[in-house]
Amino acid sequence: SATSTQWAPWYVVPADHKWFARVCTAAVLVHTLMAINPQYPQVSEE
């Protein structure tokens, strides 16, 4: 309640089924990386 923020929200992942917990964790992590959308550096003409 106190520490889920806009900049760092909590995700409560159901853990009774291990396989589903892993799917959810991967999805949250990928979602974060998609928001960052990192790109390979551009190579200069030189």
ModelCIF file with pLDDT and N, C-alpha, C, O atoms, coordinates in Angstrom:
data_MODEL
#
_entry.id   MODEL 
#
_entity.id                         1 
_entity.type                       polymer 
_entity.pdbx_number_of_molecules   1 
#
_entity_poly.entity_id                      1 
_entity_poly.type                           'polypeptide(L)' 
_entity_poly.nstd_linkage                   no 
_entity_poly.nstd_monomer                   no 
_entity_poly.pdbx_seq_one_letter_code       SATSTQWAPWYVVPADHKWFARVCTAAVLVHTLMAINPQYPQVSEE 
_entity_poly.pdbx_seq_one_letter_code_can   SATSTQWAPWYVVPADHKWFARVCTAAVLVHTLMAINPQYPQVSEE 
_entity_poly.pdbx_strand_id                 A 
#
loop_
_entity_poly_seq.entity_id 
_entity_poly_seq.num 
_entity_poly_seq.mon_id 
_entity_poly_seq.hetero 
1 1  SER n 
1 2  ALA n 
1 3  THR n 
1 4  SER n 
1 5  THR n 
1 6  GLN n 
1 7  TRP n 
1 8  ALA n 
1 9  PRO n 
1 10 TRP n 
1 11 TYR n 
1 12 VAL n 
1 13 VAL n 
1 14 PRO n 
1 15 ALA n 
1 16 ASP n 
1 17 HIS n 
1 18 LYS n 
1 19 TRP n 
1 20 PHE n 
1 21 ALA n 
1 22 ARG n 
1 23 VAL n 
1 24 CYS n 
1 25 THR n 
1 26 ALA n 
1 27 ALA n 
1 28 VAL n 
1 29 LEU n 
1 30 VAL n 
1 31 HIS n 
1 32 THR n 
1 33 LEU n 
1 34 MET n 
1 35 ALA n 
1 36 ILE n 
1 37 ASN n 
1 38 PRO n 
1 39 GLN n 
1 40 TYR n 
1 41 PRO n 
1 42 GLN n 
1 43 VAL n 
1 44 SER n 
1 45 GLU n 
1 46 GLU n 
#
_struct_asym.id          A 
_struct_asym.entity_id   1 
#
loop_
_ma_qa_metric.id 
_ma_qa_metric.mode 
_ma_qa_metric.name 
_ma_qa_metric.software_group_id 
_ma_qa_metric.type 
1 global pLDDT . pLDDT 
2 local  pLDDT . pLDDT 
#
_ma_qa_metric_global.metric_id      1 
_ma_qa_metric_global.metric_value   96.09 
_ma_qa_metric_global.model_id       1 
_ma_qa_metric_global.ordinal_id     1 
#
loop_
_ma_qa_metric_local.label_asym_id 
_ma_qa_metric_local.label_comp_id 
_ma_qa_metric_local.label_seq_id 
_ma_qa_metric_local.metric_id 
_ma_qa_metric_local.metric_value 
_ma_qa_metric_local.model_id 
_ma_qa_metric_local.ordinal_id 
A SER 1  2 98.00 1 1  
A ALA 2  2 98.00 1 2  
A THR 3  2 98.00 1 3  
A SER 4  2 98.00 1 4  
A THR 5  2 98.00 1 5  
A GLN 6  2 98.00 1 6  
A TRP 7  2 98.00 1 7  
A ALA 8  2 98.00 1 8  
A PRO 9  2 98.00 1 9  
A TRP 10 2 98.00 1 10 
A TYR 11 2 98.00 1 11 
A VAL 12 2 98.00 1 12 
A VAL 13 2 98.00 1 13 
A PRO 14 2 98.00 1 14 
A ALA 15 2 98.00 1 15 
A ASP 16 2 97.00 1 16 
A HIS 17 2 96.00 1 17 
A LYS 18 2 96.00 1 18 
A TRP 19 2 95.00 1 19 
A PHE 20 2 96.00 1 20 
A ALA 21 2 97.00 1 21 
A ARG 22 2 96.00 1 22 
A VAL 23 2 96.00 1 23 
A CYS 24 2 96.00 1 24 
A THR 25 2 97.00 1 25 
A ALA 26 2 96.00 1 26 
A ALA 27 2 96.00 1 27 
A VAL 28 2 97.00 1 28 
A LEU 29 2 97.00 1 29 
A VAL 30 2 96.00 1 30 
A HIS 31 2 96.00 1 31 
A THR 32 2 97.00 1 32 
A LEU 33 2 97.00 1 33 
A MET 34 2 96.00 1 34 
A ALA 35 2 96.00 1 35 
A ILE 36 2 97.00 1 36 
A ASN 37 2 96.00 1 37 
A PRO 38 2 97.00 1 38 
A GLN 39 2 96.00 1 39 
A TYR 40 2 95.00 1 40 
A PRO 41 2 93.00 1 41 
A GLN 42 2 90.00 1 42 
A VAL 43 2 87.00 1 43 
A SER 44 2 89.00 1 44 
A GLU 45 2 91.00 1 45 
A GLU 46 2 93.00 1 46 
#
loop_
_atom_site.group_PDB 
_atom_site.id 
_atom_site.type_symbol 
_atom_site.label_atom_id 
_atom_site.label_alt_id 
_atom_site.label_comp_id 
_atom_site.label_asym_id 
_atom_site.label_entity_id 
_atom_site.label_seq_id 
_atom_site.pdbx_PDB_ins_code 
_atom_site.Cartn_x 
_atom_site.Cartn_y 
_atom_site.Cartn_z 
_atom_site.occupancy 
_atom_site.B_iso_or_equiv 
_atom_site.pdbx_formal_charge 
_atom_site.auth_seq_id 
_atom_site.auth_comp_id 
_atom_site.auth_asym_id 
_atom_site.auth_atom_id 
_atom_site.pdbx_PDB_model_num 
ATOM 1   N N  . SER A 1 1  ? 0.828  -1.210  0.000   1.00 98.00 ? 1  SER A N  1 
ATOM 2   C CA . SER A 1 1  ? 0.000  0.000   0.000   1.00 98.00 ? 1  SER A CA 1 
ATOM 3   C C  . SER A 1 1  ? 0.858  1.253   0.000   1.00 98.00 ? 1  SER A C  1 
ATOM 4   O O  . SER A 1 1  ? 0.547  2.220   -0.696  1.00 98.00 ? 1  SER A O  1 
ATOM 5   N N  . ALA A 1 2  ? 1.938  1.244   0.776   1.00 98.00 ? 2  ALA A N  1 
ATOM 6   C CA . ALA A 1 2  ? 2.732  2.457   0.993   1.00 98.00 ? 2  ALA A CA 1 
ATOM 7   C C  . ALA A 1 2  ? 3.828  2.687   -0.043  1.00 98.00 ? 2  ALA A C  1 
ATOM 8   O O  . ALA A 1 2  ? 4.288  3.816   -0.211  1.00 98.00 ? 2  ALA A O  1 
ATOM 9   N N  . THR A 1 3  ? 4.250  1.636   -0.740  1.00 98.00 ? 3  THR A N  1 
ATOM 10  C CA . THR A 1 3  ? 5.435  1.788   -1.605  1.00 98.00 ? 3  THR A CA 1 
ATOM 11  C C  . THR A 1 3  ? 5.195  1.440   -3.069  1.00 98.00 ? 3  THR A C  1 
ATOM 12  O O  . THR A 1 3  ? 6.148  1.335   -3.841  1.00 98.00 ? 3  THR A O  1 
ATOM 13  N N  . SER A 1 4  ? 3.942  1.261   -3.460  1.00 98.00 ? 4  SER A N  1 
ATOM 14  C CA . SER A 1 4  ? 3.665  1.108   -4.891  1.00 98.00 ? 4  SER A CA 1 
ATOM 15  C C  . SER A 1 4  ? 3.466  2.505   -5.464  1.00 98.00 ? 4  SER A C  1 
ATOM 16  O O  . SER A 1 4  ? 2.473  3.167   -5.162  1.00 98.00 ? 4  SER A O  1 
ATOM 17  N N  . THR A 1 5  ? 4.400  2.951   -6.284  1.00 98.00 ? 5  THR A N  1 
ATOM 18  C CA . THR A 1 5  ? 4.400  4.321   -6.799  1.00 98.00 ? 5  THR A CA 1 
ATOM 19  C C  . THR A 1 5  ? 4.309  4.333   -8.314  1.00 98.00 ? 5  THR A C  1 
ATOM 20  O O  . THR A 1 5  ? 4.463  3.297   -8.961  1.00 98.00 ? 5  THR A O  1 
ATOM 21  N N  . GLN A 1 6  ? 4.060  5.500   -8.874  1.00 98.00 ? 6  GLN A N  1 
ATOM 22  C CA . GLN A 1 6  ? 4.002  5.618   -10.331 1.00 98.00 ? 6  GLN A CA 1 
ATOM 23  C C  . GLN A 1 6  ? 5.337  5.267   -10.957 1.00 98.00 ? 6  GLN A C  1 
ATOM 24  O O  . GLN A 1 6  ? 5.378  4.695   -12.046 1.00 98.00 ? 6  GLN A O  1 
ATOM 25  N N  . TRP A 1 7  ? 6.436  5.603   -10.283 1.00 98.00 ? 7  TRP A N  1 
ATOM 26  C CA . TRP A 1 7  ? 7.765  5.351   -10.861 1.00 98.00 ? 7  TRP A CA 1 
ATOM 27  C C  . TRP A 1 7  ? 8.279  3.943   -10.549 1.00 98.00 ? 7  TRP A C  1 
ATOM 28  O O  . TRP A 1 7  ? 9.188  3.452   -11.219 1.00 98.00 ? 7  TRP A O  1 
ATOM 29  N N  . ALA A 1 8  ? 7.703  3.294   -9.537  1.00 98.00 ? 8  ALA A N  1 
ATOM 30  C CA . ALA A 1 8  ? 8.135  1.928   -9.208  1.00 98.00 ? 8  ALA A CA 1 
ATOM 31  C C  . ALA A 1 8  ? 6.971  1.158   -8.591  1.00 98.00 ? 8  ALA A C  1 
ATOM 32  O O  . ALA A 1 8  ? 6.955  0.930   -7.382  1.00 98.00 ? 8  ALA A O  1 
ATOM 33  N N  . PRO A 1 9  ? 5.994  0.754   -9.411  1.00 98.00 ? 9  PRO A N  1 
ATOM 34  C CA . PRO A 1 9  ? 4.830  0.039   -8.879  1.00 98.00 ? 9  PRO A CA 1 
ATOM 35  C C  . PRO A 1 9  ? 5.161  -1.401  -8.498  1.00 98.00 ? 9  PRO A C  1 
ATOM 36  O O  . PRO A 1 9  ? 6.099  -2.002  -9.021  1.00 98.00 ? 9  PRO A O  1 
ATOM 37  N N  . TRP A 1 10 ? 4.380  -1.927  -7.590  1.00 98.00 ? 10 TRP A N  1 
ATOM 38  C CA . TRP A 1 10 ? 4.489  -3.336  -7.230  1.00 98.00 ? 10 TRP A CA 1 
ATOM 39  C C  . TRP A 1 10 ? 3.608  -4.185  -8.145  1.00 98.00 ? 10 TRP A C  1 
ATOM 40  O O  . TRP A 1 10 ? 2.564  -3.729  -8.612  1.00 98.00 ? 10 TRP A O  1 
ATOM 41  N N  . TYR A 1 11 ? 4.036  -5.414  -8.397  1.00 98.00 ? 11 TYR A N  1 
ATOM 42  C CA . TYR A 1 11 ? 3.227  -6.407  -9.083  1.00 98.00 ? 11 TYR A CA 1 
ATOM 43  C C  . TYR A 1 11 ? 3.118  -7.626  -8.171  1.00 98.00 ? 11 TYR A C  1 
ATOM 44  O O  . TYR A 1 11 ? 4.127  -8.207  -7.772  1.00 98.00 ? 11 TYR A O  1 
ATOM 45  N N  . VAL A 1 12 ? 1.892  -8.002  -7.849  1.00 98.00 ? 12 VAL A N  1 
ATOM 46  C CA . VAL A 1 12 ? 1.646  -9.163  -7.005  1.00 98.00 ? 12 VAL A CA 1 
ATOM 47  C C  . VAL A 1 12 ? 1.398  -10.354 -7.926  1.00 98.00 ? 12 VAL A C  1 
ATOM 48  O O  . VAL A 1 12 ? 0.345  -10.463 -8.553  1.00 98.00 ? 12 VAL A O  1 
ATOM 49  N N  . VAL A 1 13 ? 2.380  -11.236 -7.995  1.00 98.00 ? 13 VAL A N  1 
ATOM 50  C CA . VAL A 1 13 ? 2.346  -12.365 -8.929  1.00 98.00 ? 13 VAL A CA 1 
ATOM 51  C C  . VAL A 1 13 ? 1.843  -13.618 -8.215  1.00 98.00 ? 13 VAL A C  1 
ATOM 52  O O  . VAL A 1 13 ? 2.427  -14.027 -7.212  1.00 98.00 ? 13 VAL A O  1 
ATOM 53  N N  . PRO A 1 14 ? 0.768  -14.236 -8.714  1.00 98.00 ? 14 PRO A N  1 
ATOM 54  C CA . PRO A 1 14 ? 0.280  -15.490 -8.109  1.00 98.00 ? 14 PRO A CA 1 
ATOM 55  C C  . PRO A 1 14 ? 1.364  -16.564 -8.192  1.00 98.00 ? 14 PRO A C  1 
ATOM 56  O O  . PRO A 1 14 ? 1.905  -16.816 -9.269  1.00 98.00 ? 14 PRO A O  1 
ATOM 57  N N  . ALA A 1 15 ? 1.684  -17.196 -7.064  1.00 98.00 ? 15 ALA A N  1 
ATOM 58  C CA . ALA A 1 15 ? 2.840  -18.098 -7.042  1.00 98.00 ? 15 ALA A CA 1 
ATOM 59  C C  . ALA A 1 15 ? 2.497  -19.556 -6.750  1.00 98.00 ? 15 ALA A C  1 
ATOM 60  O O  . ALA A 1 15 ? 3.400  -20.386 -6.640  1.00 98.00 ? 15 ALA A O  1 
ATOM 61  N N  . ASP A 1 16 ? 1.209  -19.887 -6.622  1.00 97.00 ? 16 ASP A N  1 
ATOM 62  C CA . ASP A 1 16 ? 0.864  -21.290 -6.343  1.00 97.00 ? 16 ASP A CA 1 
ATOM 63  C C  . ASP A 1 16 ? 1.186  -22.208 -7.521  1.00 97.00 ? 16 ASP A C  1 
ATOM 64  O O  . ASP A 1 16 ? 1.423  -23.402 -7.336  1.00 97.00 ? 16 ASP A O  1 
ATOM 65  N N  . HIS A 1 17 ? 1.193  -21.648 -8.730  1.00 96.00 ? 17 HIS A N  1 
ATOM 66  C CA . HIS A 1 17 ? 1.592  -22.389 -9.928  1.00 96.00 ? 17 HIS A CA 1 
ATOM 67  C C  . HIS A 1 17 ? 2.921  -21.790 -10.405 1.00 96.00 ? 17 HIS A C  1 
ATOM 68  O O  . HIS A 1 17 ? 2.949  -20.675 -10.926 1.00 96.00 ? 17 HIS A O  1 
ATOM 69  N N  . LYS A 1 18 ? 4.000  -22.520 -10.230 1.00 96.00 ? 18 LYS A N  1 
ATOM 70  C CA . LYS A 1 18 ? 5.330  -21.972 -10.515 1.00 96.00 ? 18 LYS A CA 1 
ATOM 71  C C  . LYS A 1 18 ? 5.449  -21.485 -11.953 1.00 96.00 ? 18 LYS A C  1 
ATOM 72  O O  . LYS A 1 18 ? 6.002  -20.416 -12.212 1.00 96.00 ? 18 LYS A O  1 
ATOM 73  N N  . TRP A 1 19 ? 4.919  -22.283 -12.895 1.00 95.00 ? 19 TRP A N  1 
ATOM 74  C CA . TRP A 1 19 ? 5.042  -21.920 -14.305 1.00 95.00 ? 19 TRP A CA 1 
ATOM 75  C C  . TRP A 1 19 ? 4.348  -20.596 -14.596 1.00 95.00 ? 19 TRP A C  1 
ATOM 76  O O  . TRP A 1 19 ? 4.828  -19.806 -15.410 1.00 95.00 ? 19 TRP A O  1 
ATOM 77  N N  . PHE A 1 20 ? 3.207  -20.350 -13.925 1.00 96.00 ? 20 PHE A N  1 
ATOM 78  C CA . PHE A 1 20 ? 2.493  -19.100 -14.179 1.00 96.00 ? 20 PHE A CA 1 
ATOM 79  C C  . PHE A 1 20 ? 3.238  -17.917 -13.559 1.00 96.00 ? 20 PHE A C  1 
ATOM 80  O O  . PHE A 1 20 ? 3.270  -16.829 -14.134 1.00 96.00 ? 20 PHE A O  1 
ATOM 81  N N  . ALA A 1 21 ? 3.835  -18.134 -12.386 1.00 97.00 ? 21 ALA A N  1 
ATOM 82  C CA . ALA A 1 21 ? 4.613  -17.076 -11.750 1.00 97.00 ? 21 ALA A CA 1 
ATOM 83  C C  . ALA A 1 21 ? 5.776  -16.654 -12.654 1.00 97.00 ? 21 ALA A C  1 
ATOM 84  O O  . ALA A 1 21 ? 6.113  -15.473 -12.734 1.00 97.00 ? 21 ALA A O  1 
ATOM 85  N N  . ARG A 1 22 ? 6.381  -17.627 -13.330 1.00 96.00 ? 22 ARG A N  1 
ATOM 86  C CA . ARG A 1 22 ? 7.506  -17.323 -14.219 1.00 96.00 ? 22 ARG A CA 1 
ATOM 87  C C  . ARG A 1 22 ? 7.047  -16.574 -15.467 1.00 96.00 ? 22 ARG A C  1 
ATOM 88  O O  . ARG A 1 22 ? 7.731  -15.666 -15.939 1.00 96.00 ? 22 ARG A O  1 
ATOM 89  N N  . VAL A 1 23 ? 5.892  -16.955 -15.996 1.00 96.00 ? 23 VAL A N  1 
ATOM 90  C CA . VAL A 1 23 ? 5.325  -16.242 -17.143 1.00 96.00 ? 23 VAL A CA 1 
ATOM 91  C C  . VAL A 1 23 ? 5.074  -14.784 -16.778 1.00 96.00 ? 23 VAL A C  1 
ATOM 92  O O  . VAL A 1 23 ? 5.429  -13.877 -17.530 1.00 96.00 ? 23 VAL A O  1 
ATOM 93  N N  . CYS A 1 24 ? 4.461  -14.567 -15.620 1.00 96.00 ? 24 CYS A N  1 
ATOM 94  C CA . CYS A 1 24 ? 4.121  -13.204 -15.180 1.00 96.00 ? 24 CYS A CA 1 
ATOM 95  C C  . CYS A 1 24 ? 5.372  -12.361 -14.952 1.00 96.00 ? 24 CYS A C  1 
ATOM 96  O O  . CYS A 1 24 ? 5.425  -11.200 -15.357 1.00 96.00 ? 24 CYS A O  1 
ATOM 97  N N  . THR A 1 25 ? 6.371  -12.941 -14.308 1.00 97.00 ? 25 THR A N  1 
ATOM 98  C CA . THR A 1 25 ? 7.602  -12.205 -14.037 1.00 97.00 ? 25 THR A CA 1 
ATOM 99  C C  . THR A 1 25 ? 8.294  -11.801 -15.328 1.00 97.00 ? 25 THR A C  1 
ATOM 100 O O  . THR A 1 25 ? 8.767  -10.672 -15.459 1.00 97.00 ? 25 THR A O  1 
ATOM 101 N N  . ALA A 1 26 ? 8.353  -12.726 -16.283 1.00 96.00 ? 26 ALA A N  1 
ATOM 102 C CA . ALA A 1 26 ? 8.952  -12.414 -17.585 1.00 96.00 ? 26 ALA A CA 1 
ATOM 103 C C  . ALA A 1 26 ? 8.169  -11.299 -18.278 1.00 96.00 ? 26 ALA A C  1 
ATOM 104 O O  . ALA A 1 26 ? 8.762  -10.401 -18.877 1.00 96.00 ? 26 ALA A O  1 
ATOM 105 N N  . ALA A 1 27 ? 6.837  -11.357 -18.196 1.00 96.00 ? 27 ALA A N  1 
ATOM 106 C CA . ALA A 1 27 ? 5.998  -10.348 -18.854 1.00 96.00 ? 27 ALA A CA 1 
ATOM 107 C C  . ALA A 1 27 ? 6.222  -8.964  -18.255 1.00 96.00 ? 27 ALA A C  1 
ATOM 108 O O  . ALA A 1 27 ? 6.320  -7.982  -18.991 1.00 96.00 ? 27 ALA A O  1 
ATOM 109 N N  . VAL A 1 28 ? 6.304  -8.875  -16.932 1.00 97.00 ? 28 VAL A N  1 
ATOM 110 C CA . VAL A 1 28 ? 6.530  -7.577  -16.276 1.00 97.00 ? 28 VAL A CA 1 
ATOM 111 C C  . VAL A 1 28 ? 7.896  -7.014  -16.660 1.00 97.00 ? 28 VAL A C  1 
ATOM 112 O O  . VAL A 1 28 ? 8.036  -5.818  -16.914 1.00 97.00 ? 28 VAL A O  1 
ATOM 113 N N  . LEU A 1 29 ? 8.895  -7.882  -16.698 1.00 97.00 ? 29 LEU A N  1 
ATOM 114 C CA . LEU A 1 29 ? 10.249 -7.441  -17.047 1.00 97.00 ? 29 LEU A CA 1 
ATOM 115 C C  . LEU A 1 29 ? 10.329 -6.983  -18.503 1.00 97.00 ? 29 LEU A C  1 
ATOM 116 O O  . LEU A 1 29 ? 10.935 -5.955  -18.808 1.00 97.00 ? 29 LEU A O  1 
ATOM 117 N N  . VAL A 1 30 ? 9.714  -7.752  -19.393 1.00 96.00 ? 30 VAL A N  1 
ATOM 118 C CA . VAL A 1 30 ? 9.702  -7.365  -20.807 1.00 96.00 ? 30 VAL A CA 1 
ATOM 119 C C  . VAL A 1 30 ? 8.939  -6.052  -20.993 1.00 96.00 ? 30 VAL A C  1 
ATOM 120 O O  . VAL A 1 30 ? 9.351  -5.195  -21.775 1.00 96.00 ? 30 VAL A O  1 
ATOM 121 N N  . HIS A 1 31 ? 7.827  -5.899  -20.273 1.00 96.00 ? 31 HIS A N  1 
ATOM 122 C CA . HIS A 1 31 ? 7.038  -4.659  -20.343 1.00 96.00 ? 31 HIS A CA 1 
ATOM 123 C C  . HIS A 1 31 ? 7.903  -3.454  -19.966 1.00 96.00 ? 31 HIS A C  1 
ATOM 124 O O  . HIS A 1 31 ? 7.823  -2.407  -20.608 1.00 96.00 ? 31 HIS A O  1 
ATOM 125 N N  . THR A 1 32 ? 8.725  -3.600  -18.932 1.00 97.00 ? 32 THR A N  1 
ATOM 126 C CA . THR A 1 32 ? 9.606  -2.516  -18.499 1.00 97.00 ? 32 THR A CA 1 
ATOM 127 C C  . THR A 1 32 ? 10.639 -2.193  -19.572 1.00 97.00 ? 32 THR A C  1 
ATOM 128 O O  . THR A 1 32 ? 10.894 -1.024  -19.861 1.00 97.00 ? 32 THR A O  1 
ATOM 129 N N  . LEU A 1 33 ? 11.231 -3.223  -20.160 1.00 97.00 ? 33 LEU A N  1 
ATOM 130 C CA . LEU A 1 33 ? 12.246 -3.013  -21.189 1.00 97.00 ? 33 LEU A CA 1 
ATOM 131 C C  . LEU A 1 33 ? 11.640 -2.427  -22.463 1.00 97.00 ? 33 LEU A C  1 
ATOM 132 O O  . LEU A 1 33 ? 12.284 -1.643  -23.159 1.00 97.00 ? 33 LEU A O  1 
ATOM 133 N N  . MET A 1 34 ? 10.410 -2.809  -22.762 1.00 96.00 ? 34 MET A N  1 
ATOM 134 C CA . MET A 1 34 ? 9.726  -2.222  -23.922 1.00 96.00 ? 34 MET A CA 1 
ATOM 135 C C  . MET A 1 34 ? 9.531  -0.716  -23.732 1.00 96.00 ? 34 MET A C  1 
ATOM 136 O O  . MET A 1 34 ? 9.668  0.065   -24.674 1.00 96.00 ? 34 MET A O  1 
ATOM 137 N N  . ALA A 1 35 ? 9.209  -0.326  -22.500 1.00 96.00 ? 35 ALA A N  1 
ATOM 138 C CA . ALA A 1 35 ? 9.005  1.100   -22.201 1.00 96.00 ? 35 ALA A CA 1 
ATOM 139 C C  . ALA A 1 35 ? 10.318 1.872   -22.356 1.00 96.00 ? 35 ALA A C  1 
ATOM 140 O O  . ALA A 1 35 ? 10.319 3.015   -22.813 1.00 96.00 ? 35 ALA A O  1 
ATOM 141 N N  . ILE A 1 36 ? 11.433 1.244   -21.973 1.00 97.00 ? 36 ILE A N  1 
ATOM 142 C CA . ILE A 1 36 ? 12.741 1.873   -22.170 1.00 97.00 ? 36 ILE A CA 1 
ATOM 143 C C  . ILE A 1 36 ? 13.071 1.933   -23.656 1.00 97.00 ? 36 ILE A C  1 
ATOM 144 O O  . ILE A 1 36 ? 13.587 2.933   -24.153 1.00 97.00 ? 36 ILE A O  1 
ATOM 145 N N  . ASN A 1 37 ? 12.760 0.829   -24.363 1.00 96.00 ? 37 ASN A N  1 
ATOM 146 C CA . ASN A 1 37 ? 13.009 0.696   -25.799 1.00 96.00 ? 37 ASN A CA 1 
ATOM 147 C C  . ASN A 1 37 ? 14.462 1.018   -26.155 1.00 96.00 ? 37 ASN A C  1 
ATOM 148 O O  . ASN A 1 37 ? 14.709 1.912   -26.964 1.00 96.00 ? 37 ASN A O  1 
ATOM 149 N N  . PRO A 1 38 ? 15.421 0.308   -25.569 1.00 97.00 ? 38 PRO A N  1 
ATOM 150 C CA . PRO A 1 38 ? 16.833 0.587   -25.863 1.00 97.00 ? 38 PRO A CA 1 
ATOM 151 C C  . PRO A 1 38 ? 17.168 0.296   -27.319 1.00 97.00 ? 38 PRO A C  1 
ATOM 152 O O  . PRO A 1 38 ? 16.599 -0.606  -27.934 1.00 97.00 ? 38 PRO A O  1 
ATOM 153 N N  . GLN A 1 39 ? 18.093 1.070   -27.855 1.00 96.00 ? 39 GLN A N  1 
ATOM 154 C CA . GLN A 1 39 ? 18.471 0.942   -29.266 1.00 96.00 ? 39 GLN A CA 1 
ATOM 155 C C  . GLN A 1 39 ? 19.972 0.728   -29.386 1.00 96.00 ? 39 GLN A C  1 
ATOM 156 O O  . GLN A 1 39 ? 20.753 1.186   -28.552 1.00 96.00 ? 39 GLN A O  1 
ATOM 157 N N  . TYR A 1 40 ? 20.354 0.025   -30.436 1.00 95.00 ? 40 TYR A N  1 
ATOM 158 C CA . TYR A 1 40 ? 21.774 -0.120  -30.713 1.00 95.00 ? 40 TYR A CA 1 
ATOM 159 C C  . TYR A 1 40 ? 22.354 1.239   -31.114 1.00 95.00 ? 40 TYR A C  1 
ATOM 160 O O  . TYR A 1 40 ? 21.683 2.002   -31.810 1.00 95.00 ? 40 TYR A O  1 
ATOM 161 N N  . PRO A 1 41 ? 23.566 1.558   -30.698 1.00 93.00 ? 41 PRO A N  1 
ATOM 162 C CA . PRO A 1 41 ? 24.172 2.857   -31.044 1.00 93.00 ? 41 PRO A CA 1 
ATOM 163 C C  . PRO A 1 41 ? 24.320 3.026   -32.553 1.00 93.00 ? 41 PRO A C  1 
ATOM 164 O O  . PRO A 1 41 ? 24.608 2.070   -33.273 1.00 93.00 ? 41 PRO A O  1 
ATOM 165 N N  . GLN A 1 42 ? 24.119 4.253   -33.019 1.00 90.00 ? 42 GLN A N  1 
ATOM 166 C CA . GLN A 1 42 ? 24.292 4.562   -34.432 1.00 90.00 ? 42 GLN A CA 1 
ATOM 167 C C  . GLN A 1 42 ? 25.782 4.702   -34.743 1.00 90.00 ? 42 GLN A C  1 
ATOM 168 O O  . GLN A 1 42 ? 26.522 5.354   -34.006 1.00 90.00 ? 42 GLN A O  1 
ATOM 169 N N  . VAL A 1 43 ? 26.205 4.092   -35.825 1.00 87.00 ? 43 VAL A N  1 
ATOM 170 C CA . VAL A 1 43 ? 27.612 4.160   -36.234 1.00 87.00 ? 43 VAL A CA 1 
ATOM 171 C C  . VAL A 1 43 ? 27.811 5.378   -37.122 1.00 87.00 ? 43 VAL A C  1 
ATOM 172 O O  . VAL A 1 43 ? 27.031 5.600   -38.048 1.00 87.00 ? 43 VAL A O  1 
ATOM 173 N N  . SER A 1 44 ? 28.831 6.162   -36.857 1.00 89.00 ? 44 SER A N  1 
ATOM 174 C CA . SER A 1 44 ? 29.105 7.383   -37.624 1.00 89.00 ? 44 SER A CA 1 
ATOM 175 C C  . SER A 1 44 ? 29.601 7.045   -39.028 1.00 89.00 ? 44 SER A C  1 
ATOM 176 O O  . SER A 1 44 ? 29.997 5.912   -39.303 1.00 89.00 ? 44 SER A O  1 
ATOM 177 N N  . GLU A 1 45 ? 29.573 8.037   -39.906 1.00 91.00 ? 45 GLU A N  1 
ATOM 178 C CA . GLU A 1 45 ? 30.049 7.834   -41.275 1.00 91.00 ? 45 GLU A CA 1 
ATOM 179 C C  . GLU A 1 45 ? 31.534 7.479   -41.292 1.00 91.00 ? 45 GLU A C  1 
ATOM 180 O O  . GLU A 1 45 ? 31.977 6.663   -42.100 1.00 91.00 ? 45 GLU A O  1 
ATOM 181 N N  . GLU A 1 46 ? 32.288 8.093   -40.404 1.00 93.00 ? 46 GLU A N  1 
ATOM 182 C CA . GLU A 1 46 ? 33.716 7.808   -40.327 1.00 93.00 ? 46 GLU A CA 1 
ATOM 183 C C  . GLU A 1 46 ? 33.953 6.350   -39.919 1.00 93.00 ? 46 GLU A C  1 
ATOM 184 O O  . GLU A 1 46 ? 35.101 5.921   -39.801 1.00 93.00 ? 46 GLU A O  1 
#
